Amino acid sequence: MADKLGGDGLIGELCNGFNLLKDSNKGVITFESLKRNSALLGLQDLSDDDLRSMLEEGDFDGDGALNQMEFCVLMFRLSPELMDESRLWLEQALQQELKHCY
């Protein structure tokens, strides 16, 4: 997926996923909004415990919800291929920067 979308496209898709799952009043993903909207991303078979575990794993600030940054970090952690792609993009960007420095 990351190959086809490129860096900007991938970030856009992650933002779209966040927007689908978030509570529109609170602006974050809560347990209730995740449960209500999870079928939109094919996650309808996950149990309440699975959904809570996802929230807990990504909730770095301990507020019981995922903000957009926490969601994106969680998606990268849960998808190793995204991490590999992001490393490649970083390496390419650094190589380009080094070429400009010398």
Protein backbone atom coordinates (compact mmCIF):
# COMPACT_ATOMS: atom_id res chain seq x y z
CA MET A 1 0.00 0.00 0.00
CA ALA A 2 2.73 2.46 0.94
CA ASP A 3 4.50 1.86 -2.38
CA LYS A 4 1.43 2.85 -4.34
CA LEU A 5 0.49 5.88 -2.27
CA GLY A 6 3.86 7.45 -1.54
CA GLY A 7 4.57 9.33 1.67
CA ASP A 8 1.98 12.08 1.31
CA GLY A 9 -0.70 9.68 0.11
CA LEU A 10 -0.08 7.32 3.00
CA ILE A 11 -0.34 10.12 5.54
CA GLY A 12 -3.55 11.23 3.83
CA GLU A 13 -5.01 7.73 4.12
CA LEU A 14 -4.05 7.53 7.79
CA CYS A 15 -5.77 10.87 8.36
CA ASN A 16 -8.86 9.58 6.55
CA GLY A 17 -8.88 6.50 8.78
CA PHE A 18 -8.58 8.66 11.87
CA ASN A 19 -11.44 10.87 10.71
CA LEU A 20 -13.65 7.82 10.11
CA LEU A 21 -13.03 6.48 13.61
CA LYS A 22 -13.00 9.64 15.70
CA ASP A 23 -15.79 11.00 17.82
CA SER A 24 -16.84 14.08 15.86
CA ASN A 25 -17.66 16.04 19.01
CA LYS A 26 -14.46 15.22 20.90
CA GLY A 27 -12.05 15.10 17.94
CA VAL A 28 -10.37 11.92 19.21
CA ILE A 29 -10.97 8.19 18.90
CA THR A 30 -12.81 6.96 21.98
CA PHE A 31 -13.82 3.39 22.78
CA GLU A 32 -17.39 4.24 21.81
CA SER A 33 -16.44 5.83 18.47
CA LEU A 34 -14.06 2.96 17.68
CA LYS A 35 -16.75 0.40 18.42
CA ARG A 36 -19.39 2.32 16.46
CA ASN A 37 -17.22 2.93 13.39
CA SER A 38 -14.86 -0.06 13.33
CA ALA A 39 -16.90 -1.90 10.69
CA LEU A 40 -16.02 0.88 8.23
CA LEU A 41 -12.43 -0.38 8.32
CA GLY A 42 -13.27 -4.09 8.38
CA LEU A 43 -12.78 -4.44 12.14
CA GLN A 44 -16.34 -5.48 13.00
CA ASP A 45 -15.21 -8.89 14.29
CA LEU A 46 -12.99 -7.48 17.03
CA SER A 47 -14.24 -7.96 20.58
CA ASP A 48 -14.67 -5.12 23.05
CA ASP A 49 -11.50 -6.34 24.78
CA ASP A 50 -9.59 -6.20 21.49
CA LEU A 51 -10.81 -2.66 20.84
CA ARG A 52 -9.87 -1.58 24.37
CA SER A 53 -6.44 -3.15 23.95
CA MET A 54 -5.90 -1.20 20.73
CA LEU A 55 -6.80 2.03 22.48
CA GLU A 56 -4.56 1.25 25.45
CA GLU A 57 -1.63 0.33 23.22
CA GLY A 58 -1.75 3.61 21.35
CA ASP A 59 -2.76 5.91 24.21
CA PHE A 60 0.58 7.50 25.12
CA ASP A 61 -0.82 10.38 27.16
CA GLY A 62 -3.15 8.17 29.22
CA ASP A 63 -6.36 10.08 28.51
CA GLY A 64 -8.25 6.95 27.38
CA ALA A 65 -8.54 8.11 23.75
CA LEU A 66 -6.35 8.37 20.64
CA ASN A 67 -5.51 11.71 19.11
CA GLN A 68 -4.41 11.84 15.50
CA MET A 69 -0.70 11.47 16.26
CA GLU A 70 -1.27 8.52 18.58
CA PHE A 71 -3.44 6.86 15.92
CA CYS A 72 -0.80 7.28 13.21
CA VAL A 73 1.98 5.96 15.46
CA LEU A 74 -0.19 2.96 16.39
CA MET A 75 -0.92 2.18 12.73
CA PHE A 76 2.81 2.20 11.95
CA ARG A 77 3.54 -0.03 14.94
CA LEU A 78 0.82 -2.51 13.95
CA SER A 79 1.95 -2.58 10.30
CA PRO A 80 5.65 -3.48 10.05
CA GLU A 81 5.60 -2.98 6.28
CA LEU A 82 4.71 0.68 6.86
CA MET A 83 7.74 1.00 9.14
CA ASP A 84 9.98 -0.49 6.46
CA GLU A 85 8.60 1.91 3.86
CA SER A 86 9.02 4.91 6.14
CA ARG A 87 12.65 3.93 6.78
CA LEU A 88 13.27 3.78 3.04
CA TRP A 89 11.69 7.21 2.53
CA LEU A 90 13.82 8.65 5.33
CA GLU A 91 17.00 7.13 3.91
CA GLN A 92 16.20 8.50 0.45
CA ALA A 93 15.46 11.95 1.85
CA LEU A 94 18.70 11.96 3.85
CA GLN A 95 20.69 10.87 0.80
CA GLN A 96 19.17 13.70 -1.21
CA GLU A 97 20.00 16.19 1.56
CA LEU A 98 23.59 14.96 1.77
CA LYS A 99 24.00 15.35 -1.99
CA HIS A 100 22.94 18.99 -1.68
CA CYS A 101 25.41 19.60 1.16
CA TYR A 102 28.47 18.49 -0.77
